[in-house]
Amino acid sequence: MKAVGQYVDDATITTKVKAKHAEDETVSALRVNVETKQGVVVLSGEARTETEVERAEVLAKQVEGVKAVSNKIELKPKS
């Protein structure tokens, strides 16, 4: 069973990652889903370029409390 503090920490991490993404010009327009479980951030959604995918991960890793990032963002180039 998780301690109550673990839920708060994960929720805080998710919020901070989303805020970093919203502030960044490269990532802000993307539809990236962010979930955190025990300090592991899972990114999912779609991006148009490899740069966007990489930048979303770099920003997530900058957030305090993040133990690891699982980047599941799919590359969907603009047609």
Protein backbone atom coordinates (compact mmCIF):
# COMPACT_ATOMS: atom_id res chain seq x y z
CA MET A 1 0.00 0.00 0.00
CA LYS A 2 1.25 3.47 -0.86
CA ALA A 3 1.71 6.15 1.73
CA VAL A 4 -0.45 9.24 1.30
CA GLY A 5 2.67 11.32 0.69
CA GLN A 6 3.55 9.24 -2.36
CA TYR A 7 0.32 10.28 -4.09
CA VAL A 8 1.01 13.94 -3.34
CA ASP A 9 4.58 13.66 -4.62
CA ASP A 10 3.49 11.99 -7.85
CA ALA A 11 0.72 14.55 -8.39
CA THR A 12 3.18 17.38 -7.75
CA ILE A 13 5.69 15.92 -10.20
CA THR A 14 3.00 15.55 -12.88
CA THR A 15 1.91 19.17 -12.36
CA LYS A 16 5.49 20.46 -12.56
CA VAL A 17 6.26 18.48 -15.72
CA LYS A 18 3.08 19.80 -17.37
CA ALA A 19 4.02 23.35 -16.35
CA LYS A 20 7.51 22.99 -17.86
CA HIS A 21 5.98 21.68 -21.08
CA ALA A 22 3.49 24.56 -21.22
CA GLU A 23 6.28 27.14 -20.81
CA ASP A 24 8.53 25.66 -23.51
CA GLU A 25 8.12 26.87 -27.11
CA THR A 26 9.11 23.52 -28.61
CA VAL A 27 6.74 21.40 -26.53
CA SER A 28 3.85 23.73 -25.63
CA ALA A 29 1.78 22.98 -28.74
CA LEU A 30 2.08 19.21 -28.32
CA ARG A 31 -0.60 17.03 -26.84
CA VAL A 32 1.54 15.18 -24.33
CA ASN A 33 -0.03 13.16 -21.56
CA VAL A 34 1.95 13.02 -18.33
CA GLU A 35 1.51 10.36 -15.66
CA THR A 36 3.71 9.72 -12.63
CA LYS A 37 3.92 6.59 -10.52
CA GLN A 38 6.45 6.32 -7.71
CA GLY A 39 8.56 9.06 -9.26
CA VAL A 40 8.61 7.50 -12.74
CA VAL A 41 7.15 9.84 -15.35
CA VAL A 42 5.43 8.33 -18.38
CA LEU A 43 5.04 10.63 -21.39
CA SER A 44 2.61 9.67 -24.14
CA GLY A 45 0.97 11.38 -27.08
CA GLU A 46 2.15 12.54 -30.49
CA ALA A 47 4.88 14.81 -31.83
CA ARG A 48 5.78 15.99 -35.32
CA THR A 49 9.58 15.89 -34.94
CA GLU A 50 12.23 13.94 -33.06
CA THR A 51 13.32 17.25 -31.50
CA GLU A 52 9.89 17.65 -29.88
CA VAL A 53 10.01 14.10 -28.52
CA GLU A 54 13.49 14.60 -27.06
CA ARG A 55 12.71 18.04 -25.61
CA ALA A 56 9.62 16.74 -23.77
CA GLU A 57 11.80 14.10 -22.11
CA VAL A 58 14.61 16.52 -21.22
CA LEU A 59 12.13 18.88 -19.55
CA ALA A 60 10.56 16.06 -17.55
CA LYS A 61 13.97 14.95 -16.28
CA GLN A 62 14.62 18.47 -14.94
CA VAL A 63 11.78 18.25 -12.41
CA GLU A 64 12.79 17.54 -8.83
CA GLY A 65 11.71 14.12 -7.62
CA VAL A 66 11.72 12.45 -11.05
CA LYS A 67 13.50 9.10 -10.80
CA ALA A 68 13.10 8.08 -14.45
CA VAL A 69 11.23 9.01 -17.61
CA SER A 70 9.51 6.55 -19.93
CA ASN A 71 9.02 8.35 -23.22
CA LYS A 72 6.19 6.77 -25.20
CA ILE A 73 5.51 9.79 -27.41
CA GLU A 74 4.87 8.65 -30.98
CA LEU A 75 6.39 10.43 -33.95
CA LYS A 76 3.63 11.46 -36.36
CA PRO A 77 5.14 13.74 -39.02
CA LYS A 78 2.82 16.35 -40.50
CA SER A 79 1.31 15.08 -43.74
